[in-house]
């Protein structure tokens, strides 16, 4: 099969079965068959993965911050569920932030995540905006620590 036929077959596989396409692409990379790779879809897939990871960091930061705000402002309503959510989000963020790129992204997105979390905490608790600091009082390092 010619290189162009292999590339076309790989492009079709991308549309039909993404997992099979990934496995075949990995095999081509392992075998150093670079000229047979579906470079257009591979580049798109890699960009999508990076965007997905960044969205996940923002989402987990928002969830963690919202629960920490509620934890701080409503100690009488603390539940085991809140604690589990805080611990889970910290664990997942610690794993994600092993990547220097994602750690820098988390630092860049902290203000956005805090704004979202603050709005969510206000809606969840019924407390006023004045009950919450306008900016995150915690750094990324502090967020990943203990309650």
Protein backbone atom coordinates (compact mmCIF):
# COMPACT_ATOMS: atom_id res chain seq x y z
CA UNK A 1 0.00 0.00 0.00
CA UNK A 2 1.40 3.43 -0.89
CA UNK A 3 2.07 6.08 1.69
CA UNK A 4 -0.86 8.19 0.40
CA UNK A 5 -3.23 5.19 0.56
CA UNK A 6 -2.09 4.45 4.12
CA UNK A 7 -2.60 8.08 5.10
CA UNK A 8 -6.08 8.11 3.54
CA UNK A 9 -6.96 4.86 5.33
CA UNK A 10 -5.77 6.37 8.59
CA UNK A 11 -7.86 9.51 7.97
CA UNK A 12 -10.92 7.31 7.41
CA UNK A 13 -10.12 5.34 10.56
CA UNK A 14 -10.06 8.61 12.52
CA UNK A 15 -13.68 9.23 11.54
CA UNK A 16 -14.78 5.63 12.12
CA UNK A 17 -12.96 4.60 15.32
CA UNK A 18 -10.88 7.14 17.19
CA UNK A 19 -9.36 4.59 19.57
CA UNK A 20 -8.23 2.37 16.71
CA UNK A 21 -6.84 5.48 14.97
CA UNK A 22 -4.87 6.35 18.13
CA UNK A 23 -3.47 2.84 18.41
CA UNK A 24 -2.51 2.76 14.73
CA UNK A 25 -0.93 6.22 14.97
CA UNK A 26 1.08 5.13 18.02
CA UNK A 27 2.24 2.04 16.13
CA UNK A 28 3.37 4.20 13.20
CA UNK A 29 5.27 6.44 15.60
CA UNK A 30 6.89 3.44 17.32
CA UNK A 31 7.92 2.11 13.92
CA UNK A 32 9.12 5.56 12.84
CA UNK A 33 6.71 5.54 9.88
CA UNK A 34 6.25 9.28 10.12
CA UNK A 35 5.36 9.75 6.46
CA UNK A 36 2.27 7.55 6.94
CA UNK A 37 0.80 9.52 9.84
CA UNK A 38 -2.47 11.40 9.51
CA UNK A 39 -0.80 14.68 10.47
CA UNK A 40 -3.83 16.92 10.04
CA UNK A 41 -5.99 14.94 12.45
CA UNK A 42 -3.07 14.22 14.75
CA UNK A 43 -2.36 17.93 15.17
CA UNK A 44 -6.06 18.64 15.75
CA UNK A 45 -6.31 15.80 18.27
CA UNK A 46 -3.28 17.03 20.22
CA UNK A 47 -4.64 20.60 20.35
CA UNK A 48 -8.01 19.24 21.54
CA UNK A 49 -6.29 17.24 24.29
CA UNK A 50 -4.45 20.33 25.50
CA UNK A 51 -7.70 22.35 25.54
CA UNK A 52 -9.48 19.53 27.38
CA UNK A 53 -6.78 19.39 30.05
CA UNK A 54 -6.94 23.16 30.52
CA UNK A 55 -10.74 23.09 30.79
CA UNK A 56 -10.44 20.32 33.37
CA UNK A 57 -8.04 22.40 35.46
CA UNK A 58 -10.42 25.38 35.37
CA UNK A 59 -13.41 23.19 36.24
CA UNK A 60 -11.67 21.46 39.15
CA UNK A 61 -10.34 24.77 40.50
CA UNK A 62 -13.85 26.22 40.38
CA UNK A 63 -15.37 23.24 42.20
CA UNK A 64 -12.63 23.27 44.83
CA UNK A 65 -12.92 27.00 45.42
CA UNK A 66 -16.72 26.89 45.65
CA UNK A 67 -16.58 24.15 48.27
CA UNK A 68 -13.84 25.91 50.23
CA UNK A 69 -15.89 29.11 50.23
CA UNK A 70 -18.94 27.26 51.54
CA UNK A 71 -16.75 25.40 54.05
CA UNK A 72 -15.35 28.68 55.33
CA UNK A 73 -18.58 30.70 55.39
CA UNK A 74 -20.96 28.03 56.66
CA UNK A 75 -19.09 25.93 59.24
CA UNK A 76 -22.37 24.82 60.80
CA UNK A 77 -23.41 23.21 57.50
CA UNK A 78 -20.18 21.33 56.79
CA UNK A 79 -20.79 17.81 55.61
CA UNK A 80 -18.69 14.77 54.90
CA UNK A 81 -19.72 15.18 51.26
CA UNK A 82 -18.15 18.65 51.10
CA UNK A 83 -14.96 17.28 52.65
CA UNK A 84 -14.83 14.40 50.17
CA UNK A 85 -15.32 16.82 47.27
CA UNK A 86 -12.55 19.08 48.56
CA UNK A 87 -10.17 16.15 49.01
CA UNK A 88 -11.01 14.64 45.60
CA UNK A 89 -10.56 17.94 43.77
CA UNK A 90 -7.22 18.51 45.50
CA UNK A 91 -6.02 15.03 44.61
CA UNK A 92 -7.05 15.41 40.97
CA UNK A 93 -5.55 18.89 40.71
CA UNK A 94 -2.29 17.73 42.27
CA UNK A 95 -2.10 15.03 39.60
CA UNK A 96 -2.90 17.44 36.77
CA UNK A 97 -0.55 20.12 38.03
CA UNK A 98 2.45 17.83 37.85
CA UNK A 99 2.58 19.31 34.36
CA UNK A 100 4.38 22.66 34.48
CA UNK A 101 2.20 23.92 31.64
CA UNK A 102 -1.00 23.08 33.49
CA UNK A 103 0.36 24.57 36.74
CA UNK A 104 1.04 27.86 34.93
CA UNK A 105 -2.44 27.64 33.40
CA UNK A 106 -3.96 27.14 36.87
CA UNK A 107 -2.16 30.22 38.14
CA UNK A 108 -3.39 32.22 35.13
CA UNK A 109 -6.97 30.97 35.58
CA UNK A 110 -7.19 31.36 39.35
CA UNK A 111 -9.05 34.69 39.17
CA UNK A 112 -11.55 33.34 36.61
CA UNK A 113 -12.11 30.16 38.63
CA UNK A 114 -12.58 32.22 41.78
CA UNK A 115 -15.16 34.48 40.11
CA UNK A 116 -17.13 31.43 39.01
CA UNK A 117 -16.80 29.75 42.40
CA UNK A 118 -17.85 32.90 44.22
CA UNK A 119 -20.99 33.22 42.10
CA UNK A 120 -21.75 29.55 42.69
CA UNK A 121 -21.22 29.84 46.45
CA UNK A 122 -23.47 32.90 46.61
CA UNK A 123 -26.21 31.03 44.74
CA UNK A 124 -25.78 27.86 46.84
CA UNK A 125 -25.64 29.54 50.24
CA UNK A 126 -27.94 32.52 49.82
CA UNK A 127 -25.27 34.73 51.38
CA UNK A 128 -24.51 38.12 49.84
CA UNK A 129 -21.58 39.12 47.66
CA UNK A 130 -20.25 41.12 50.61
CA UNK A 131 -19.82 37.86 52.53
CA UNK A 132 -17.09 36.73 50.13
CA UNK A 133 -13.81 38.41 49.29
CA UNK A 134 -13.82 39.92 45.78
CA UNK A 135 -10.55 38.11 44.93
CA UNK A 136 -9.24 34.69 45.87
CA UNK A 137 -7.55 34.85 49.27
CA UNK A 138 -5.68 31.63 48.43
CA UNK A 139 -2.83 30.87 46.05
CA UNK A 140 -2.63 27.64 44.05
CA UNK A 141 -0.22 26.21 46.64
CA UNK A 142 -2.62 27.05 49.46
CA UNK A 143 -5.57 25.59 47.55
CA UNK A 144 -3.75 22.29 47.25
CA UNK A 145 -3.02 22.14 50.99
CA UNK A 146 -5.19 21.02 53.86
CA UNK A 147 -8.46 22.63 55.03
